[in-house]
Structures are given as C-alpha cells and as structure tokens.
Amino acid sequence: MRIIIVGLGKLGTTLAEQISGEDHDVTVIDTAAKLVEETVNRFDVFGVVGSGADCDVQKEAGVEKCDIFISVTDADELNILACMISKKLGARHTIARVRNPEYSRQFSFMRHELGISMLVNPEYDAAFEISRIIQFPAAMKVEKFAKGRVDLAEIALKDGNPLCGQYIRDLVSKFRSNVLVCAVIRGDKAMIPSGDFQLLAGDRITLTASHGELSAFFKSLGILKKRVKSVMIIGGGKIAYYLGKRMSEIGVSVKIIDINRERCRELAELLPKASIVHADGSDSDVLTEEGLDSVDACVTLTGMDEENIIISMFASGSSVEKVITKVNRPSLVKMMSAMGQESIVSPRYIAMGNILSYLRARSNSAGSSVRTMYKIADNMVEAIEFNAAESFPAFGVPLKKLHLKRGILIGCIIRSNKVIFPHGDNTIELRDSVVVITTNQALSDLRDILAD
C-alpha cells in the first residue's frame, strides 16, 4: 500500500519505522527539514518538507495515489484539516490523531460528515487500558478480543507461584482451567512455547481464556486479588482526566495530585466526584500525607518517564498492591521489568497498535481481514484477530495437520458466539473469528499463517 505520514514526532517516527518494515511505500511529511532528512536516512521511506495541510505539499507526496493518509502532528486542527484535504485530493482512507477531550464527543460526526476514516486519541486509549488493568489487578496487562468474550492477560511468575516448574502441557489437567499460555518472556527474549516448555520463576507469561476461566485459574493459583476500590493518580494530564472519569463512573474512589494549580481547578470542575490535590506528586512526604499506603492502586502519569518510574518504585515500597506506570521510551520499559515494576503503559505504542490494526485490515479487504490487533510481550509478539474469509484454503483441516509458519499459535476460535480454545482435532471454518499469536510481525491475512 501507499501510505503518507504527516508529523514526525514520537508517534509519527515510530509509525514510519514499523510500517516501512512491512513492505509498504511510505512517504513522510514534516515542516522540519532535519527531521525529514533523518527519517529518510534511517528508514526506507520518501520525504517531503512542508505543511501536511498544504495542497501542493500533499500533491508532491503523491496523495492522489495514496491508500492511507495518516496525520499525527501535535495540532488536532491541523490533523483534521490535512485529512479532509487529502480525502478531497484522492486519498482512499484517512487517520487523524485528535487528543483534545472536547473533540471526543464529535468523533462520530467527524467520521461520517468529514470523511475521516479513523480517529486516534492516545490518551483516551491509554486510560482505557489502565482501567482494564485496575479492574483485573492480578494481571500486568489485559486485552480483550471477540467483543470482550476472550481475555489476554500477562502475569509475572514470582518465586512460590504454583506455575513455576510446570510444563505447559500439564496446566489444564493440574489446574482444571481451560487456559492457554501463548507467549513467554524470559530475560530479553519473547517466545511462543510448545507443550514441553517448562515455566520458571522470573518468566512473564501471557494467557488467553474466557473471563470466567481466567478468574478461576487465578483463584486456583492463589493470586486472585480483591477488587480495587481506591486509586491515586499522580499527574493531572489528559490521561488522568479520562481515567478519573471512568473510575468515578464505576464507583472507584479517585484522588489526583498535580503540581499545576490551574489544572487542578479545571479537574475539580470536570471531575466533581474525584478528590483533586494541588501538590508535588514526586514529594514522598506529600504522598505519605495524602494516604498512599492506604490506596489499592497508584497510577503515575506525569510528563516525565523518569519521574513516573521513581514515584512507582516508592509506591511499590509503600506496599501499594497495584502500581501502573506510564512510560514511552522502550529502553526504560526493559529496565523497569528488570527492577520488578510490572504494569507499564505506553500511549504511543497503544496508538501505534490501533493504527497498525487498521492498516492490516485495509491491506487485504478481500481476504481474511484483521479485526483486532495488540502488541504484547514488550511489543515483540502480536495477537491478531482475523475474520476467516473464503480465501482461506484450509477450512475443515484439523489444526494438527496444518503446516504453520514458525512462531505462530492459534490462540482461540470464535464460532457462532462460542469460544473454542483449540486442540489438535479442532478446525477453522468459514466466518470463524480466529485469534493468532505470532512473533512474525507482518501478518495481514489468515492465509499468512500457513507455511509455503
């Protein structure tokens, strides 16, 4: 596909790197000539210097032949305008990053009346992911497939966990729960395990199961934690607003601490059910005085990764049961895992995953298109939900007889609203939804799982 990316900030650069590696023709646009030059030199992309909302600049980038136009500058209005112009000039699909909470109520209008195919709000999506983790505190991360019928949860195996020393093939019989271990991180390596893989302390594992089965499994392991009733949020930005609103709506007590007095006034008006504190959330005395040791969860959302990490470490040392940290830099994510900090959220990578899911779905609309896609296992593994279309050549063939590419696992099959966690005798049938777990990060069609 021919793809144009406007804006070479953190998200735009990350998208250029990922998409250019998936055999697409990519052109980037930015007003900063140095950024364009650096991106062109680092990745296999073309570059144009100028405003993404300039008709002549878009024409120079080849917008009339563009399959997907993506605008992710820091200015919402520019992103919206650039997408509208590109649509008029011939772009087939458009994606705009829109972060202002005031615009979130107008997303439906923008899609239907302005012709913008997809709107991405990294802060809202990050808040939604954090809320899922808070509502399932036993897990480090939780993703949902098949309209919420299937959970994908990541947990860390600490010394004493009953799973340590167990072989994958024995889990269902020993714990009497229908769960599937679909990915394991050991050290800095992610892998998709076979039945004879032995789990060890220190592993981080990703499980897939129905919500009920996953809860039963955690209960049998003795790690099912009590429901979170109170949360302290450090930092009062957009994510804090979205998260505080969502938590208040489900009856969770919310306290937000922010150093900016004016922002505290705004949050107090926007979130009347929450407690808003004007103070320095990086001050340990402030955190202690505000009752950090008595809350069920702490979420660090300041604008600095390092500050979030330090506050999270302090919260963990204060015996807070669930600590969630916002971090954008990949190098820091790995360091945090090594230090025992578990639940890490990156708005940039969440947004990238949503955009890539849309791109994969559009890349082969006549085949088995992508419904949902998540990056898991520190972004080294993908979990993709496909619609099984007529183009798939192996309907009715038992999975044990399918010749799959290396690094691929069938996580589950959804058929007529029934969730199947497959064994060797199960088959894929027309109109199934199939969740595929893979280390091959370029699958866009269900046919791609088959070896040549």
Protein backbone atom coordinates (compact mmCIF):
# COMPACT_ATOMS: atom_id res chain seq x y z
CA MET A 1 0.00 0.00 0.00
CA ARG A 2 0.97 3.64 -0.47
CA ILE A 3 0.94 5.42 2.88
CA ILE A 4 1.60 9.06 3.79
CA ILE A 5 2.50 10.04 7.38
CA VAL A 6 2.28 13.71 8.43
CA GLY A 7 4.16 14.69 11.58
CA LEU A 8 7.48 13.22 12.70
CA GLY A 9 7.12 13.42 16.44
CA LYS A 10 7.48 10.29 18.57
CA LEU A 11 4.37 8.59 17.19
CA GLY A 12 4.99 9.55 13.57
CA THR A 13 8.60 8.35 13.65
CA THR A 14 7.62 5.07 15.33
CA LEU A 15 4.94 4.52 12.70
CA ALA A 16 7.39 5.24 9.87
CA GLU A 17 9.80 2.68 11.29
CA GLN A 18 7.17 -0.03 11.75
CA ILE A 19 5.22 0.48 8.51
CA SER A 20 8.29 0.80 6.30
CA GLY A 21 9.39 -2.60 7.59
CA GLU A 22 6.14 -4.19 6.36
CA ASP A 23 6.80 -3.72 2.63
CA HIS A 24 4.68 -0.60 2.11
CA ASP A 25 5.56 2.52 0.11
CA VAL A 26 5.82 5.20 2.79
CA THR A 27 6.18 8.97 2.39
CA VAL A 28 6.66 11.26 5.40
CA ILE A 29 5.83 14.97 5.63
CA ASP A 30 7.06 17.46 8.23
CA THR A 31 7.89 21.15 8.38
CA ALA A 32 11.29 20.37 9.95
CA ALA A 33 13.73 19.56 7.16
CA LYS A 34 16.20 17.98 9.59
CA LEU A 35 13.59 15.52 10.89
CA VAL A 36 12.58 14.56 7.36
CA GLU A 37 16.21 14.00 6.36
CA GLU A 38 16.93 11.89 9.47
CA THR A 39 13.83 9.74 8.91
CA VAL A 40 14.60 9.19 5.21
CA ASN A 41 18.16 8.15 6.09
CA ARG A 42 17.10 5.78 8.89
CA PHE A 43 14.18 4.05 7.18
CA ASP A 44 13.20 3.04 3.67
CA VAL A 45 10.84 5.99 3.10
CA PHE A 46 10.46 9.08 0.91
CA GLY A 47 10.33 12.57 2.45
CA VAL A 48 8.67 15.91 1.71
CA VAL A 49 9.32 19.11 3.66
CA GLY A 50 6.28 21.31 4.28
CA SER A 51 2.90 21.55 5.98
CA GLY A 52 0.70 18.47 5.84
CA ALA A 53 -2.32 20.73 5.33
CA ASP A 54 -0.83 22.32 2.19
CA CYS A 55 -2.43 21.05 -1.03
CA ASP A 56 0.79 21.45 -3.04
CA VAL A 57 2.81 19.57 -0.42
CA GLN A 58 0.28 16.73 -0.40
CA LYS A 59 0.35 16.57 -4.20
CA GLU A 60 4.17 16.42 -4.14
CA ALA A 61 3.86 13.47 -1.75
CA GLY A 62 1.53 11.68 -4.21
CA VAL A 63 -1.69 11.94 -2.23
CA GLU A 64 -3.87 11.21 -5.29
CA LYS A 65 -2.48 7.64 -5.32
CA CYS A 66 -2.43 7.27 -1.52
CA ASP A 67 -4.19 4.30 0.08
CA ILE A 68 -3.95 5.58 3.66
CA PHE A 69 -3.17 9.14 4.81
CA ILE A 70 -2.14 9.48 8.48
CA SER A 71 -1.78 12.84 10.23
CA VAL A 72 -0.27 12.71 13.74
CA THR A 73 1.12 16.21 14.35
CA ASP A 74 0.75 17.85 17.76
CA ALA A 75 -2.10 20.05 16.44
CA ASP A 76 -5.55 18.41 16.36
CA GLU A 77 -6.98 21.01 13.98
CA LEU A 78 -4.12 20.58 11.51
CA ASN A 79 -4.60 16.80 11.57
CA ILE A 80 -8.32 17.14 10.88
CA LEU A 81 -7.78 19.69 8.08
CA ALA A 82 -4.97 17.65 6.50
CA CYS A 83 -7.20 14.55 6.38
CA MET A 84 -10.10 16.50 4.85
CA ILE A 85 -7.84 17.91 2.14
CA SER A 86 -6.24 14.53 1.40
CA LYS A 87 -9.67 12.96 1.04
CA LYS A 88 -10.68 15.61 -1.50
CA LEU A 89 -7.43 15.05 -3.41
CA GLY A 90 -7.96 11.30 -3.71
CA ALA A 91 -6.70 9.51 -0.58
CA ARG A 92 -8.77 6.35 -0.01
CA HIS A 93 -8.60 6.26 3.80
CA THR A 94 -7.58 8.88 6.37
CA ILE A 95 -6.46 8.69 10.01
CA ALA A 96 -6.16 11.70 12.34
CA ARG A 97 -4.73 11.94 15.83
CA VAL A 98 -7.18 14.04 17.88
CA ARG A 99 -6.32 14.45 21.56
CA ASN A 100 -8.48 17.29 22.85
CA PRO A 101 -11.20 15.89 25.16
CA GLU A 102 -13.64 18.47 23.77
CA TYR A 103 -13.42 16.82 20.36
CA SER A 104 -14.01 13.28 21.66
CA ARG A 105 -17.78 13.85 21.68
CA GLN A 106 -17.65 14.74 17.97
CA PHE A 107 -15.83 11.65 16.68
CA SER A 108 -18.95 10.21 15.08
CA PHE A 109 -19.61 13.50 13.26
CA MET A 110 -16.01 13.67 12.04
CA ARG A 111 -16.14 10.15 10.66
CA HIS A 112 -19.48 10.45 8.90
CA GLU A 113 -19.56 14.10 7.86
CA LEU A 114 -15.88 14.99 7.40
CA GLY A 115 -14.88 11.67 5.84
CA ILE A 116 -12.13 10.81 8.35
CA SER A 117 -11.87 7.01 8.43
CA MET A 118 -10.30 6.67 11.88
CA LEU A 119 -9.61 8.98 14.80
CA VAL A 120 -6.89 8.12 17.30
CA ASN A 121 -6.74 9.50 20.83
CA PRO A 122 -3.64 8.03 22.55
CA GLU A 123 -4.53 9.46 25.96
CA TYR A 124 -8.08 8.07 25.92
CA ASP A 125 -6.86 4.66 24.73
CA ALA A 126 -4.15 4.61 27.42
CA ALA A 127 -6.72 5.46 30.09
CA PHE A 128 -8.95 2.66 28.82
CA GLU A 129 -6.09 0.16 29.04
CA ILE A 130 -5.18 1.32 32.55
CA SER A 131 -8.80 0.93 33.65
CA ARG A 132 -8.79 -2.69 32.42
CA ILE A 133 -5.67 -3.41 34.46
CA ILE A 134 -7.19 -1.79 37.55
CA GLN A 135 -10.34 -3.88 37.17
CA PHE A 136 -8.25 -7.09 36.87
CA PRO A 137 -5.45 -6.35 39.39
CA ALA A 138 -3.92 -9.85 39.29
CA ALA A 139 -2.63 -9.16 35.77
CA MET A 140 0.08 -6.81 34.50
CA LYS A 141 -1.84 -6.17 31.28
CA VAL A 142 -5.27 -7.20 30.00
CA GLU A 143 -6.50 -7.08 26.39
CA LYS A 144 -9.89 -8.19 25.09
CA PHE A 145 -10.90 -9.98 21.88
CA ALA A 146 -14.15 -11.17 20.34
CA LYS A 147 -16.18 -8.24 21.75
CA GLY A 148 -14.96 -8.91 25.29
CA ARG A 149 -15.54 -12.67 25.34
CA VAL A 150 -11.82 -13.53 25.35
CA ASP A 151 -9.17 -12.08 27.69
CA LEU A 152 -5.45 -11.89 27.02
CA ALA A 153 -3.64 -11.33 30.33
CA GLU A 154 0.04 -11.04 31.24
CA ILE A 155 1.36 -12.10 34.66
CA ALA A 156 4.82 -12.37 36.22
CA LEU A 157 5.87 -15.65 37.83
CA LYS A 158 7.45 -14.95 41.19
CA ASP A 159 9.10 -17.49 43.49
CA GLY A 160 6.43 -19.65 45.07
CA ASN A 161 3.93 -19.33 42.23
CA PRO A 162 2.42 -22.82 41.63
CA LEU A 163 3.17 -22.46 37.90
CA CYS A 164 6.94 -22.43 38.46
CA GLY A 165 8.42 -25.72 37.29
CA GLN A 166 5.24 -26.77 35.47
CA TYR A 167 5.17 -27.89 31.85
CA ILE A 168 2.72 -26.19 29.52
CA ARG A 169 1.10 -29.49 28.51
CA ASP A 170 0.10 -30.22 32.14
CA LEU A 171 -1.59 -26.94 33.07
CA VAL A 172 -5.17 -27.72 32.06
CA SER A 173 -5.26 -31.07 33.88
CA LYS A 174 -3.45 -29.86 37.01
CA PHE A 175 -5.35 -26.62 37.50
CA ARG A 176 -8.65 -27.64 35.88
CA SER A 177 -8.94 -24.40 33.96
CA ASN A 178 -9.19 -24.01 30.20
CA VAL A 179 -6.37 -21.52 29.67
CA LEU A 180 -3.62 -21.33 27.08
CA VAL A 181 -0.11 -19.95 27.64
CA CYS A 182 0.51 -18.23 24.33
CA ALA A 183 3.68 -16.21 24.95
CA VAL A 184 6.58 -16.17 27.40
CA ILE A 185 9.22 -13.52 28.06
CA ARG A 186 12.40 -14.95 29.59
CA GLY A 187 15.17 -12.42 30.01
CA ASP A 188 15.04 -10.17 26.97
CA LYS A 189 13.65 -12.85 24.64
CA ALA A 190 9.98 -13.47 23.77
CA MET A 191 8.85 -16.89 22.56
CA ILE A 192 5.72 -18.87 21.79
CA PRO A 193 6.02 -22.02 23.91
CA SER A 194 5.31 -25.62 22.95
CA GLY A 195 3.76 -28.21 25.26
CA ASP A 196 7.13 -29.38 26.60
CA PHE A 197 8.16 -25.85 27.66
CA GLN A 198 8.84 -25.57 31.40
CA LEU A 199 7.84 -22.37 33.19
CA LEU A 200 10.35 -20.84 35.61
CA ALA A 201 10.36 -18.12 38.25
CA GLY A 202 11.08 -14.79 36.61
CA ASP A 203 9.13 -15.62 33.44
CA ARG A 204 6.43 -13.24 32.26
CA ILE A 205 3.65 -15.19 30.62
CA THR A 206 0.64 -14.19 28.52
CA LEU A 207 -2.51 -16.27 28.95
CA THR A 208 -5.66 -16.40 26.86
CA ALA A 209 -9.00 -17.60 28.23
CA SER A 210 -12.58 -16.54 28.74
CA HIS A 211 -13.02 -14.03 31.55
CA GLY A 212 -14.59 -16.64 33.84
CA GLU A 213 -11.92 -19.26 33.14
CA LEU A 214 -9.14 -16.74 33.72
CA SER A 215 -10.61 -15.68 37.06
CA ALA A 216 -10.98 -19.33 38.11
CA PHE A 217 -7.38 -20.01 37.06
CA PHE A 218 -6.04 -17.08 39.07
CA LYS A 219 -8.10 -18.22 42.04
CA SER A 220 -6.63 -21.72 41.83
CA LEU A 221 -3.14 -20.17 41.80
CA GLY A 222 -3.98 -18.08 44.86
CA ILE A 223 -3.24 -14.79 43.05
CA LEU A 224 -6.78 -13.50 42.50
CA LYS A 225 -6.68 -10.10 44.20
CA LYS A 226 -9.50 -8.10 45.74
CA ARG A 227 -11.33 -5.51 43.67
CA VAL A 228 -9.69 -2.08 43.55
CA LYS A 229 -11.79 0.43 45.49
CA SER A 230 -9.43 3.42 45.59
CA VAL A 231 -6.80 4.80 43.21
CA MET A 232 -4.27 7.62 43.50
CA ILE A 233 -3.23 9.26 40.22
CA ILE A 234 -0.02 11.30 40.08
CA GLY A 235 -0.16 13.86 37.26
CA GLY A 236 -3.27 15.63 36.01
CA GLY A 237 -2.98 15.50 32.23
CA LYS A 238 -5.44 14.18 29.65
CA ILE A 239 -4.95 10.53 30.64
CA ALA A 240 -5.68 11.41 34.27
CA TYR A 241 -8.91 13.11 33.22
CA TYR A 242 -10.13 10.17 31.13
CA LEU A 243 -9.08 7.63 33.77
CA GLY A 244 -10.52 9.60 36.67
CA LYS A 245 -13.83 9.96 34.84
CA ARG A 246 -14.02 6.23 34.06
CA MET A 247 -13.05 5.14 37.58
CA SER A 248 -15.54 7.53 39.18
CA GLU A 249 -18.31 6.18 36.96
CA ILE A 250 -17.76 2.60 38.22
CA GLY A 251 -17.62 3.63 41.88
CA VAL A 252 -13.84 3.69 42.48
CA SER A 253 -12.60 6.44 44.81
CA VAL A 254 -10.21 8.71 42.87
CA LYS A 255 -7.55 11.13 44.12
CA ILE A 256 -5.50 13.12 41.58
CA ILE A 257 -2.35 15.02 42.59
CA ASP A 258 -0.92 17.66 40.24
CA ILE A 259 1.59 20.48 40.72
CA ASN A 260 -0.24 22.92 38.39
CA ARG A 261 -2.81 24.96 40.33
CA GLU A 262 -4.83 26.00 37.26
CA ARG A 263 -5.02 22.41 36.03
CA CYS A 264 -6.28 21.35 39.46
CA ARG A 265 -9.09 23.89 39.21
CA GLU A 266 -10.03 22.53 35.77
CA LEU A 267 -10.04 18.92 37.00
CA ALA A 268 -12.13 19.85 40.04
CA GLU A 269 -14.81 21.20 37.69
CA LEU A 270 -14.57 18.31 35.23
CA LEU A 271 -14.46 15.55 37.87
CA PRO A 272 -16.71 16.58 40.77
CA LYS A 273 -16.63 13.05 42.29
CA ALA A 274 -12.83 12.95 42.46
CA SER A 275 -10.54 14.49 45.09
CA ILE A 276 -8.10 16.92 43.44
CA VAL A 277 -4.93 17.88 45.34
CA HIS A 278 -2.61 20.73 44.34
CA ALA A 279 0.82 19.43 45.36
CA ASP A 280 4.08 17.96 44.09
CA GLY A 281 3.36 14.27 43.49
CA SER A 282 7.09 13.48 43.36
CA ASP A 283 7.48 14.54 47.02
CA SER A 284 7.42 11.44 49.24
CA ASP A 285 6.09 13.45 52.21
CA VAL A 286 3.14 14.63 50.11
CA LEU A 287 2.34 11.10 49.00
CA THR A 288 2.50 9.82 52.58
CA GLU A 289 0.32 12.66 53.89
CA GLU A 290 -2.25 12.02 51.14
CA GLY A 291 -2.56 8.36 52.17
CA LEU A 292 -0.55 6.50 49.55
CA ASP A 293 -0.15 3.47 51.83
CA SER A 294 -3.95 3.12 52.15
CA VAL A 295 -4.95 3.11 48.45
CA ASP A 296 -5.45 -0.05 46.39
CA ALA A 297 -3.76 1.29 43.23
CA CYS A 298 -1.36 4.05 42.22
CA VAL A 299 -1.00 5.31 38.63
CA THR A 300 1.91 7.59 37.70
CA LEU A 301 1.08 9.86 34.75
CA THR A 302 3.46 12.83 34.88
CA GLY A 303 5.10 14.10 31.70
CA MET A 304 8.50 12.58 32.58
CA ASP A 305 9.23 8.86 32.30
CA GLU A 306 11.97 9.02 34.94
CA GLU A 307 9.70 10.75 37.44
CA ASN A 308 6.96 8.19 36.87
CA ILE A 309 9.42 5.35 37.47
CA ILE A 310 10.76 6.81 40.72
CA ILE A 311 7.27 7.50 42.10
CA SER A 312 6.18 3.98 41.13
CA MET A 313 9.16 2.47 42.95
CA PHE A 314 8.25 4.48 46.05
CA ALA A 315 4.62 3.34 45.79
CA SER A 316 5.71 -0.31 45.49
CA GLY A 317 7.90 0.17 48.56
CA SER A 318 4.87 1.59 50.39
CA SER A 319 3.04 -1.73 49.83
CA VAL A 320 0.55 -0.41 47.27
CA GLU A 321 -0.97 -3.56 45.79
CA LYS A 322 -1.24 -2.34 42.18
CA VAL A 323 1.18 0.16 40.63
CA ILE A 324 0.82 1.26 37.00
CA THR A 325 3.44 3.40 35.27
CA LYS A 326 3.26 5.49 32.09
CA VAL A 327 6.50 5.11 30.13
CA ASN A 328 7.14 5.93 26.46
CA ARG A 329 10.83 5.13 25.97
CA PRO A 330 11.33 1.44 25.03
CA SER A 331 14.75 1.24 26.72
CA LEU A 332 13.20 2.27 30.05
CA VAL A 333 10.44 -0.34 29.73
CA LYS A 334 13.04 -3.13 29.73
CA MET A 335 14.88 -1.60 32.67
CA MET A 336 11.65 -1.36 34.66
CA SER A 337 10.85 -5.01 34.06
CA ALA A 338 14.30 -5.95 35.36
CA MET A 339 13.60 -3.87 38.51
CA GLY A 340 10.32 -5.67 39.17
CA GLN A 341 7.99 -2.88 38.02
CA GLU A 342 5.28 -4.79 36.21
CA SER A 343 2.32 -2.83 34.81
CA ILE A 344 3.67 -0.40 32.22
CA VAL A 345 1.56 1.60 29.76
CA SER A 346 2.84 3.48 26.71
CA PRO A 347 0.29 5.76 24.95
CA ARG A 348 2.49 5.93 21.87
CA TYR A 349 2.61 2.16 21.40
CA ILE A 350 -1.10 1.77 22.13
CA ALA A 351 -1.89 4.33 19.41
CA MET A 352 0.56 2.66 17.03
CA GLY A 353 -1.08 -0.72 17.62
CA ASN A 354 -4.53 0.70 16.83
CA ILE A 355 -3.28 2.32 13.62
CA LEU A 356 -1.43 -0.83 12.52
CA SER A 357 -4.57 -2.88 13.14
CA TYR A 358 -6.48 -0.57 10.80
CA LEU A 359 -3.72 -0.75 8.19
CA ARG A 360 -3.66 -4.54 8.27
CA ALA A 361 -7.44 -4.66 7.92
CA ARG A 362 -7.30 -2.43 4.83
CA SER A 363 -4.32 -4.15 3.20
CA ASN A 364 -6.37 -7.14 2.07
CA SER A 365 -10.04 -6.30 2.39
CA ALA A 366 -10.98 -9.14 0.03
CA GLY A 367 -9.31 -11.76 2.22
CA SER A 368 -9.38 -12.69 5.90
CA SER A 369 -9.09 -9.18 7.28
CA VAL A 370 -7.82 -8.10 10.68
CA ARG A 371 -10.49 -7.27 13.26
CA THR A 372 -8.29 -6.52 16.27
CA MET A 373 -4.55 -6.42 16.90
CA TYR A 374 -2.47 -5.91 20.03
CA LYS A 375 1.25 -5.75 20.64
CA ILE A 376 2.13 -7.96 23.61
CA ALA A 377 5.26 -9.26 25.34
CA ASP A 378 7.06 -5.89 25.27
CA ASN A 379 5.92 -5.36 21.65
CA MET A 380 7.83 -8.46 20.49
CA VAL A 381 4.69 -10.54 19.84
CA GLU A 382 1.40 -9.72 18.13
CA ALA A 383 -2.05 -11.05 18.94
CA ILE A 384 -4.31 -10.66 15.89
CA GLU A 385 -7.99 -11.46 15.44
CA PHE A 386 -8.90 -12.42 11.86
CA ASN A 387 -12.21 -12.92 10.12
CA ALA A 388 -11.97 -16.28 8.31
CA ALA A 389 -12.99 -15.44 4.71
CA GLU A 390 -13.50 -17.68 1.69
CA SER A 391 -9.92 -17.07 0.55
CA PHE A 392 -8.52 -19.23 3.39
CA PRO A 393 -7.52 -22.54 1.74
CA ALA A 394 -7.58 -24.90 4.74
CA PHE A 395 -11.15 -24.98 6.06
CA GLY A 396 -12.01 -28.25 7.78
CA VAL A 397 -8.39 -29.36 8.18
CA PRO A 398 -7.53 -30.41 11.76
CA LEU A 399 -5.08 -27.95 13.29
CA LYS A 400 -2.60 -30.76 13.97
CA LYS A 401 -2.35 -31.30 10.20
CA LEU A 402 -1.89 -27.63 9.28
CA HIS A 403 1.62 -26.64 8.28
CA LEU A 404 2.02 -23.37 10.17
CA LYS A 405 4.92 -20.98 9.89
CA ARG A 406 7.37 -20.90 12.79
CA GLY A 407 6.41 -18.65 15.67
CA ILE A 408 2.64 -18.98 15.20
CA LEU A 409 -0.01 -20.27 17.62
CA ILE A 410 -3.80 -20.42 17.25
CA GLY A 411 -4.95 -18.77 20.48
CA CYS A 412 -8.69 -19.38 20.12
CA ILE A 413 -11.53 -19.70 17.62
CA ILE A 414 -14.88 -17.92 17.99
CA ARG A 415 -17.72 -19.67 16.18
CA SER A 416 -21.36 -18.57 16.45
CA ASN A 417 -20.63 -16.71 19.70
CA LYS A 418 -18.95 -19.81 21.16
CA VAL A 419 -15.31 -19.56 22.22
CA ILE A 420 -13.14 -22.58 21.37
CA PHE A 421 -9.67 -22.96 22.87
CA PRO A 422 -8.42 -25.37 20.28
CA HIS A 423 -6.71 -28.74 20.39
CA GLY A 424 -5.22 -30.66 17.50
CA ASP A 425 -8.56 -32.02 16.24
CA ASN A 426 -10.28 -28.64 16.00
CA THR A 427 -10.69 -26.96 12.62
CA ILE A 428 -11.11 -23.45 11.21
CA GLU A 429 -14.41 -22.89 9.40
CA LEU A 430 -15.84 -20.13 7.21
CA ARG A 431 -16.83 -16.96 9.15
CA ASP A 432 -14.94 -18.01 12.28
CA SER A 433 -13.01 -15.37 14.18
CA VAL A 434 -9.50 -16.68 14.76
CA VAL A 435 -7.04 -15.20 17.28
CA VAL A 436 -3.46 -15.78 16.15
CA ILE A 437 -0.43 -15.25 18.38
CA THR A 438 2.74 -14.63 16.40
CA THR A 439 6.32 -13.42 16.52
CA ASN A 440 6.00 -12.74 12.77
CA GLN A 441 5.02 -9.07 12.86
CA ALA A 442 3.69 -8.66 9.35
CA LEU A 443 0.56 -10.84 9.11
CA SER A 444 -2.31 -9.14 7.30
CA ASP A 445 -4.37 -12.17 6.23
CA LEU A 446 -5.23 -15.51 7.83
CA ARG A 447 -3.58 -17.22 4.86
CA ASP A 448 -0.27 -15.80 6.05
CA ILE A 449 -0.13 -18.29 8.94
CA LEU A 450 0.40 -21.21 6.53
CA ALA A 451 3.87 -22.34 5.50
CA ASP A 452 4.57 -22.49 1.77
